[in-house]
Amino acid sequence: MSNEVVSFASTNRDIVSRLVRAGLVTGVIDAIFSSVLVTVFYHSTVTRLWQGVASVLLGKEALNGGTTTATDRSFGW
């Protein structure tokens, strides 16, 4: 019976590890795809895209923040 418990625990750890890796890979692919999409099809800049992402947390002021808003973490967090 103890073998089943150990096997179950390692299986859960494998599942969590795979889910974390899948989430990270999905996030990176999404960031690359959206960056290319916004520059090629919408004729905008990558900075403007990430300012839009930052505006979800920071509000509309993030759209006027320049490159600092898109890349820097100097928001007092």
PDB file of N, CA and C in Angstrom:
ATOM      1  N   MET A   1       0.817  -1.186   0.000  1.00  0.00           N
ATOM      2  CA  MET A   1       0.000   0.000   0.000  1.00  0.00           C
ATOM      3  C   MET A   1       0.871   1.266   0.000  1.00  0.00           C
ATOM      4  N   SER A   2       2.006   1.233   0.636  1.00  0.00           N
ATOM      5  CA  SER A   2       2.868   2.418   0.651  1.00  0.00           C
ATOM      6  C   SER A   2       3.418   2.718  -0.732  1.00  0.00           C
ATOM      7  N   ASN A   3       3.595   1.711  -1.566  1.00  0.00           N
ATOM      8  CA  ASN A   3       4.041   1.947  -2.940  1.00  0.00           C
ATOM      9  C   ASN A   3       3.003   2.738  -3.727  1.00  0.00           C
ATOM     10  N   GLU A   4       1.745   2.487  -3.469  1.00  0.00           N
ATOM     11  CA  GLU A   4       0.689   3.217  -4.149  1.00  0.00           C
ATOM     12  C   GLU A   4       0.684   4.683  -3.743  1.00  0.00           C
ATOM     13  N   VAL A   5       0.931   4.968  -2.493  1.00  0.00           N
ATOM     14  CA  VAL A   5       0.963   6.346  -2.008  1.00  0.00           C
ATOM     15  C   VAL A   5       2.131   7.097  -2.635  1.00  0.00           C
ATOM     16  N   VAL A   6       3.301   6.483  -2.662  1.00  0.00           N
ATOM     17  CA  VAL A   6       4.473   7.117  -3.261  1.00  0.00           C
ATOM     18  C   VAL A   6       4.241   7.336  -4.743  1.00  0.00           C
ATOM     19  N   SER A   7       3.693   6.352  -5.416  1.00  0.00           N
ATOM     20  CA  SER A   7       3.413   6.461  -6.838  1.00  0.00           C
ATOM     21  C   SER A   7       2.416   7.579  -7.108  1.00  0.00           C
ATOM     22  N   PHE A   8       1.376   7.682  -6.305  1.00  0.00           N
ATOM     23  CA  PHE A   8       0.375   8.730  -6.460  1.00  0.00           C
ATOM     24  C   PHE A   8       0.987  10.111  -6.246  1.00  0.00           C
ATOM     25  N   ALA A   9       1.856  10.254  -5.236  1.00  0.00           N
ATOM     26  CA  ALA A   9       2.494  11.539  -4.957  1.00  0.00           C
ATOM     27  C   ALA A   9       3.405  11.956  -6.098  1.00  0.00           C
ATOM     28  N   SER A  10       4.181  11.028  -6.636  1.00  0.00           N
ATOM     29  CA  SER A  10       5.076  11.388  -7.734  1.00  0.00           C
ATOM     30  C   SER A  10       4.286  11.685  -9.005  1.00  0.00           C
ATOM     31  N   THR A  11       3.162  11.025  -9.194  1.00  0.00           N
ATOM     32  CA  THR A  11       2.314  11.310 -10.350  1.00  0.00           C
ATOM     33  C   THR A  11       1.748  12.720 -10.257  1.00  0.00           C
ATOM     34  N   ASN A  12       1.301  13.123  -9.079  1.00  0.00           N
ATOM     35  CA  ASN A  12       0.792  14.488  -8.904  1.00  0.00           C
ATOM     36  C   ASN A  12       1.874  15.526  -9.157  1.00  0.00           C
ATOM     37  N   ARG A  13       3.089  15.239  -8.698  1.00  0.00           N
ATOM     38  CA  ARG A  13       4.197  16.157  -8.901  1.00  0.00           C
ATOM     39  C   ARG A  13       4.508  16.289 -10.395  1.00  0.00           C
ATOM     40  N   ASP A  14       4.457  15.168 -11.130  1.00  0.00           N
ATOM     41  CA  ASP A  14       4.686  15.196 -12.567  1.00  0.00           C
ATOM     42  C   ASP A  14       3.618  16.011 -13.286  1.00  0.00           C
ATOM     43  N   ILE A  15       2.383  15.849 -12.851  1.00  0.00           N
ATOM     44  CA  ILE A  15       1.285  16.590 -13.476  1.00  0.00           C
ATOM     45  C   ILE A  15       1.451  18.088 -13.241  1.00  0.00           C
ATOM     46  N   VAL A  16       1.766  18.478 -12.024  1.00  0.00           N
ATOM     47  CA  VAL A  16       1.951  19.895 -11.706  1.00  0.00           C
ATOM     48  C   VAL A  16       3.132  20.457 -12.490  1.00  0.00           C
ATOM     49  N   SER A  17       4.214  19.708 -12.565  1.00  0.00           N
ATOM     50  CA  SER A  17       5.387  20.153 -13.318  1.00  0.00           C
ATOM     51  C   SER A  17       5.044  20.361 -14.788  1.00  0.00           C
ATOM     52  N   ARG A  18       4.314  19.446 -15.360  1.00  0.00           N
ATOM     53  CA  ARG A  18       3.924  19.573 -16.768  1.00  0.00           C
ATOM     54  C   ARG A  18       2.987  20.755 -16.985  1.00  0.00           C
ATOM     55  N   LEU A  19       2.066  20.976 -16.072  1.00  0.00           N
ATOM     56  CA  LEU A  19       1.152  22.108 -16.194  1.00  0.00           C
ATOM     57  C   LEU A  19       1.887  23.440 -16.103  1.00  0.00           C
ATOM     58  N   VAL A  20       2.852  23.534 -15.193  1.00  0.00           N
ATOM     59  CA  VAL A  20       3.633  24.769 -15.058  1.00  0.00           C
ATOM     60  C   VAL A  20       4.435  25.022 -16.331  1.00  0.00           C
ATOM     61  N   ARG A  21       5.104  23.981 -16.825  1.00  0.00           N
ATOM     62  CA  ARG A  21       5.877  24.142 -18.066  1.00  0.00           C
ATOM     63  C   ARG A  21       4.981  24.511 -19.240  1.00  0.00           C
ATOM     64  N   ALA A  22       3.826  23.876 -19.345  1.00  0.00           N
ATOM     65  CA  ALA A  22       2.893  24.188 -20.433  1.00  0.00           C
ATOM     66  C   ALA A  22       2.414  25.632 -20.336  1.00  0.00           C
ATOM     67  N   GLY A  23       2.155  26.104 -19.126  1.00  0.00           N
ATOM     68  CA  GLY A  23       1.737  27.490 -18.938  1.00  0.00           C
ATOM     69  C   GLY A  23       2.814  28.481 -19.326  1.00  0.00           C
ATOM     70  N   LEU A  24       4.044  28.192 -18.946  1.00  0.00           N
ATOM     71  CA  LEU A  24       5.158  29.079 -19.306  1.00  0.00           C
ATOM     72  C   LEU A  24       5.395  29.115 -20.807  1.00  0.00           C
ATOM     73  N   VAL A  25       5.379  27.948 -21.437  1.00  0.00           N
ATOM     74  CA  VAL A  25       5.574  27.895 -22.888  1.00  0.00           C
ATOM     75  C   VAL A  25       4.440  28.624 -23.604  1.00  0.00           C
ATOM     76  N   THR A  26       3.222  28.433 -23.145  1.00  0.00           N
ATOM     77  CA  THR A  26       2.072  29.115 -23.744  1.00  0.00           C
ATOM     78  C   THR A  26       2.203  30.627 -23.592  1.00  0.00           C
ATOM     79  N   GLY A  27       2.649  31.089 -22.431  1.00  0.00           N
ATOM     80  CA  GLY A  27       2.831  32.525 -22.213  1.00  0.00           C
ATOM     81  C   GLY A  27       3.889  33.124 -23.117  1.00  0.00           C
ATOM     82  N   VAL A  28       4.999  32.430 -23.280  1.00  0.00           N
ATOM     83  CA  VAL A  28       6.076  32.929 -24.145  1.00  0.00           C
ATOM     84  C   VAL A  28       5.614  32.965 -25.599  1.00  0.00           C
ATOM     85  N   ILE A  29       4.968  31.900 -26.053  1.00  0.00           N
ATOM     86  CA  ILE A  29       4.479  31.863 -27.436  1.00  0.00           C
ATOM     87  C   ILE A  29       3.442  32.955 -27.661  1.00  0.00           C
ATOM     88  N   ASP A  30       2.560  33.178 -26.698  1.00  0.00           N
ATOM     89  CA  ASP A  30       1.549  34.222 -26.820  1.00  0.00           C
ATOM     90  C   ASP A  30       2.182  35.605 -26.882  1.00  0.00           C
ATOM     91  N   ALA A  31       3.198  35.840 -26.065  1.00  0.00           N
ATOM     92  CA  ALA A  31       3.875  37.141 -26.072  1.00  0.00           C
ATOM     93  C   ALA A  31       4.564  37.392 -27.415  1.00  0.00           C
ATOM     94  N   ILE A  32       5.228  36.379 -27.943  1.00  0.00           N
ATOM     95  CA  ILE A  32       5.900  36.529 -29.237  1.00  0.00           C
ATOM     96  C   ILE A  32       4.878  36.748 -30.346  1.00  0.00           C
ATOM     97  N   PHE A  33       3.829  35.933 -30.368  1.00  0.00           N
ATOM     98  CA  PHE A  33       2.807  36.054 -31.402  1.00  0.00           C
ATOM     99  C   PHE A  33       2.139  37.422 -31.373  1.00  0.00           C
ATOM    100  N   SER A  34       1.756  37.886 -30.194  1.00  0.00           N
ATOM    101  CA  SER A  34       1.077  39.174 -30.104  1.00  0.00           C
ATOM    102  C   SER A  34       2.006  40.324 -30.467  1.00  0.00           C
ATOM    103  N   SER A  35       3.293  40.207 -30.136  1.00  0.00           N
ATOM    104  CA  SER A  35       4.249  41.249 -30.496  1.00  0.00           C
ATOM    105  C   SER A  35       4.414  41.340 -32.009  1.00  0.00           C
ATOM    106  N   VAL A  36       4.494  40.198 -32.674  1.00  0.00           N
ATOM    107  CA  VAL A  36       4.612  40.194 -34.140  1.00  0.00           C
ATOM    108  C   VAL A  36       3.308  40.681 -34.766  1.00  0.00           C
ATOM    109  N   LEU A  37       2.186  40.212 -34.257  1.00  0.00           N
ATOM    110  CA  LEU A  37       0.891  40.587 -34.805  1.00  0.00           C
ATOM    111  C   LEU A  37       0.664  42.091 -34.741  1.00  0.00           C
ATOM    112  N   VAL A  38       0.986  42.695 -33.612  1.00  0.00           N
ATOM    113  CA  VAL A  38       0.725  44.120 -33.442  1.00  0.00           C
ATOM    114  C   VAL A  38       1.620  44.969 -34.346  1.00  0.00           C
ATOM    115  N   THR A  39       2.830  44.516 -34.612  1.00  0.00           N
ATOM    116  CA  THR A  39       3.713  45.308 -35.476  1.00  0.00           C
ATOM    117  C   THR A  39       3.414  45.097 -36.954  1.00  0.00           C
ATOM    118  N   VAL A  40       3.089  43.884 -37.354  1.00  0.00           N
ATOM    119  CA  VAL A  40       2.885  43.591 -38.771  1.00  0.00           C
ATOM    120  C   VAL A  40       1.493  44.009 -39.243  1.00  0.00           C
ATOM    121  N   PHE A  41       0.461  43.626 -38.521  1.00  0.00           N
ATOM    122  CA  PHE A  41      -0.895  43.858 -39.002  1.00  0.00           C
ATOM    123  C   PHE A  41      -1.528  45.151 -38.500  1.00  0.00           C
ATOM    124  N   TYR A  42      -1.177  45.586 -37.310  1.00  0.00           N
ATOM    125  CA  TYR A  42      -1.798  46.790 -36.764  1.00  0.00           C
ATOM    126  C   TYR A  42      -0.893  48.015 -36.856  1.00  0.00           C
ATOM    127  N   HIS A  43       0.306  47.832 -37.366  1.00  0.00           N
ATOM    128  CA  HIS A  43       1.271  48.928 -37.568  1.00  0.00           C
ATOM    129  C   HIS A  43       1.438  49.776 -36.311  1.00  0.00           C
ATOM    130  N   SER A  44       1.553  49.093 -35.208  1.00  0.00           N
ATOM    131  CA  SER A  44       1.783  49.748 -33.931  1.00  0.00           C
ATOM    132  C   SER A  44       3.149  49.293 -33.413  1.00  0.00           C
ATOM    133  N   THR A  45       3.446  49.612 -32.175  1.00  0.00           N
ATOM    134  CA  THR A  45       4.732  49.225 -31.609  1.00  0.00           C
ATOM    135  C   THR A  45       4.536  48.207 -30.493  1.00  0.00           C
ATOM    136  N   VAL A  46       5.585  47.465 -30.228  1.00  0.00           N
ATOM    137  CA  VAL A  46       5.549  46.495 -29.142  1.00  0.00           C
ATOM    138  C   VAL A  46       5.395  47.217 -27.809  1.00  0.00           C
ATOM    139  N   THR A  47       6.019  48.384 -27.696  1.00  0.00           N
ATOM    140  CA  THR A  47       5.886  49.169 -26.465  1.00  0.00           C
ATOM    141  C   THR A  47       4.432  49.520 -26.201  1.00  0.00           C
ATOM    142  N   ARG A  48       3.723  49.907 -27.233  1.00  0.00           N
ATOM    143  CA  ARG A  48       2.305  50.260 -27.068  1.00  0.00           C
ATOM    144  C   ARG A  48       1.485  49.039 -26.633  1.00  0.00           C
ATOM    145  N   LEU A  49       1.828  47.884 -27.183  1.00  0.00           N
ATOM    146  CA  LEU A  49       1.147  46.652 -26.787  1.00  0.00           C
ATOM    147  C   LEU A  49       1.310  46.393 -25.305  1.00  0.00           C
ATOM    148  N   TRP A  50       2.550  46.468 -24.813  1.00  0.00           N
ATOM    149  CA  TRP A  50       2.796  46.157 -23.399  1.00  0.00           C
ATOM    150  C   TRP A  50       2.309  47.271 -22.482  1.00  0.00           C
ATOM    151  N   GLN A  51       2.190  48.494 -23.004  1.00  0.00           N
ATOM    152  CA  GLN A  51       1.541  49.542 -22.221  1.00  0.00           C
ATOM    153  C   GLN A  51       0.066  49.198 -22.031  1.00  0.00           C
ATOM    154  N   GLY A  52      -0.544  48.617 -23.051  1.00  0.00           N
ATOM    155  CA  GLY A  52      -1.932  48.179 -22.934  1.00  0.00           C
ATOM    156  C   GLY A  52      -2.090  47.094 -21.893  1.00  0.00           C
ATOM    157  N   VAL A  53      -1.134  46.185 -21.851  1.00  0.00           N
ATOM    158  CA  VAL A  53      -1.159  45.136 -20.834  1.00  0.00           C
ATOM    159  C   VAL A  53      -1.002  45.759 -19.445  1.00  0.00           C
ATOM    160  N   ALA A  54      -0.070  46.701 -19.324  1.00  0.00           N
ATOM    161  CA  ALA A  54       0.153  47.363 -18.035  1.00  0.00           C
ATOM    162  C   ALA A  54      -1.067  48.179 -17.604  1.00  0.00           C
ATOM    163  N   SER A  55      -1.820  48.690 -18.571  1.00  0.00           N
ATOM    164  CA  SER A  55      -2.974  49.520 -18.229  1.00  0.00           C
ATOM    165  C   SER A  55      -4.080  48.716 -17.542  1.00  0.00           C
ATOM    166  N   VAL A  56      -4.049  47.403 -17.700  1.00  0.00           N
ATOM    167  CA  VAL A  56      -5.031  46.577 -16.997  1.00  0.00           C
ATOM    168  C   VAL A  56      -4.830  46.705 -15.489  1.00  0.00           C
ATOM    169  N   LEU A  57      -3.573  46.722 -15.061  1.00  0.00           N
ATOM    170  CA  LEU A  57      -3.284  46.847 -13.629  1.00  0.00           C
ATOM    171  C   LEU A  57      -3.186  48.290 -13.162  1.00  0.00           C
ATOM    172  N   LEU A  58      -2.633  49.161 -13.999  1.00  0.00           N
ATOM    173  CA  LEU A  58      -2.315  50.517 -13.565  1.00  0.00           C
ATOM    174  C   LEU A  58      -3.338  51.562 -13.979  1.00  0.00           C
ATOM    175  N   GLY A  59      -4.218  51.228 -14.890  1.00  0.00           N
ATOM    176  CA  GLY A  59      -5.197  52.196 -15.372  1.00  0.00           C
ATOM    177  C   GLY A  59      -4.716  52.895 -16.631  1.00  0.00           C
ATOM    178  N   LYS A  60      -5.511  53.836 -17.107  1.00  0.00           N
ATOM    179  CA  LYS A  60      -5.225  54.515 -18.378  1.00  0.00           C
ATOM    180  C   LYS A  60      -3.931  55.320 -18.364  1.00  0.00           C
ATOM    181  N   GLU A  61      -3.437  55.672 -17.193  1.00  0.00           N
ATOM    182  CA  GLU A  61      -2.197  56.432 -17.115  1.00  0.00           C
ATOM    183  C   GLU A  61      -1.021  55.651 -17.701  1.00  0.00           C
ATOM    184  N   ALA A  62      -1.117  54.345 -17.704  1.00  0.00           N
ATOM    185  CA  ALA A  62      -0.042  53.499 -18.220  1.00  0.00           C
ATOM    186  C   ALA A  62       0.172  53.723 -19.716  1.00  0.00           C
ATOM    187  N   LEU A  63      -0.852  54.133 -20.430  1.00  0.00           N
ATOM    188  CA  LEU A  63      -0.722  54.359 -21.865  1.00  0.00           C
ATOM    189  C   LEU A  63       0.128  55.580 -22.171  1.00  0.00           C
ATOM    190  N   ASN A  64       0.309  56.466 -21.201  1.00  0.00           N
ATOM    191  CA  ASN A  64       1.123  57.663 -21.393  1.00  0.00           C
ATOM    192  C   ASN A  64       2.491  57.541 -20.755  1.00  0.00           C
ATOM    193  N   GLY A  65       2.821  56.372 -20.234  1.00  0.00           N
ATOM    194  CA  GLY A  65       4.044  56.212 -19.466  1.00  0.00           C
ATOM    195  C   GLY A  65       5.313  55.969 -20.261  1.00  0.00           C
ATOM    196  N   GLY A  66       5.227  55.790 -21.559  1.00  0.00           N
ATOM    197  CA  GLY A  66       6.418  55.549 -22.365  1.00  0.00           C
ATOM    198  C   GLY A  66       6.982  54.156 -22.147  1.00  0.00           C
ATOM    199  N   THR A  67       8.225  53.992 -22.509  1.00  0.00           N
ATOM    200  CA  THR A  67       8.885  52.692 -22.401  1.00  0.00           C
ATOM    201  C   THR A  67       8.981  52.237 -20.956  1.00  0.00           C
ATOM    202  N   THR A  68       9.100  53.150 -20.034  1.00  0.00           N
ATOM    203  CA  THR A  68       9.201  52.794 -18.626  1.00  0.00           C
ATOM    204  C   THR A  68       7.983  51.998 -18.170  1.00  0.00           C
ATOM    205  N   THR A  69       6.813  52.413 -18.604  1.00  0.00           N
ATOM    206  CA  THR A  69       5.602  51.704 -18.210  1.00  0.00           C
ATOM    207  C   THR A  69       5.583  50.295 -18.770  1.00  0.00           C
ATOM    208  N   ALA A  70       6.094  50.116 -19.974  1.00  0.00           N
ATOM    209  CA  ALA A  70       6.048  48.811 -20.620  1.00  0.00           C
ATOM    210  C   ALA A  70       7.107  47.854 -20.071  1.00  0.00           C
ATOM    211  N   THR A  71       8.230  48.374 -19.582  1.00  0.00           N
ATOM    212  CA  THR A  71       9.330  47.490 -19.220  1.00  0.00           C
ATOM    213  C   THR A  71       9.777  47.565 -17.781  1.00  0.00           C
ATOM    214  N   ASP A  72       9.609  48.688 -17.124  1.00  0.00           N
ATOM    215  CA  ASP A  72      10.189  48.884 -15.805  1.00  0.00           C
ATOM    216  C   ASP A  72       9.212  48.516 -14.707  1.00  0.00           C
ATOM    217  N   ARG A  73       9.753  48.149 -13.561  1.00  0.00           N
ATOM    218  CA  ARG A  73       8.912  47.826 -12.406  1.00  0.00           C
ATOM    219  C   ARG A  73       9.074  48.904 -11.338  1.00  0.00           C
ATOM    220  N   SER A  74       9.119  50.159 -11.737  1.00  0.00           N
ATOM    221  CA  SER A  74       9.301  51.244 -10.768  1.00  0.00           C
ATOM    222  C   SER A  74       7.963  51.881 -10.404  1.00  0.00           C
ATOM    223  N   PHE A  75       6.978  51.050 -10.100  1.00  0.00           N
ATOM    224  CA  PHE A  75       5.655  51.554  -9.779  1.00  0.00           C
ATOM    225  C   PHE A  75       5.404  51.578  -8.288  1.00  0.00           C
ATOM    226  N   GLY A  76       6.424  51.316  -7.490  1.00  0.00           N
ATOM    227  CA  GLY A  76       6.267  51.312  -6.055  1.00  0.00           C
ATOM    228  C   GLY A  76       5.730  49.995  -5.499  1.00  0.00           C
ATOM    229  N   TRP A  77       5.832  48.912  -6.268  1.00  0.00           N
ATOM    230  CA  TRP A  77       5.347  47.623  -5.786  1.00  0.00           C
ATOM    231  C   TRP A  77       6.409  46.952  -4.992  1.00  0.00           C
TER     232      TRP A  77
END
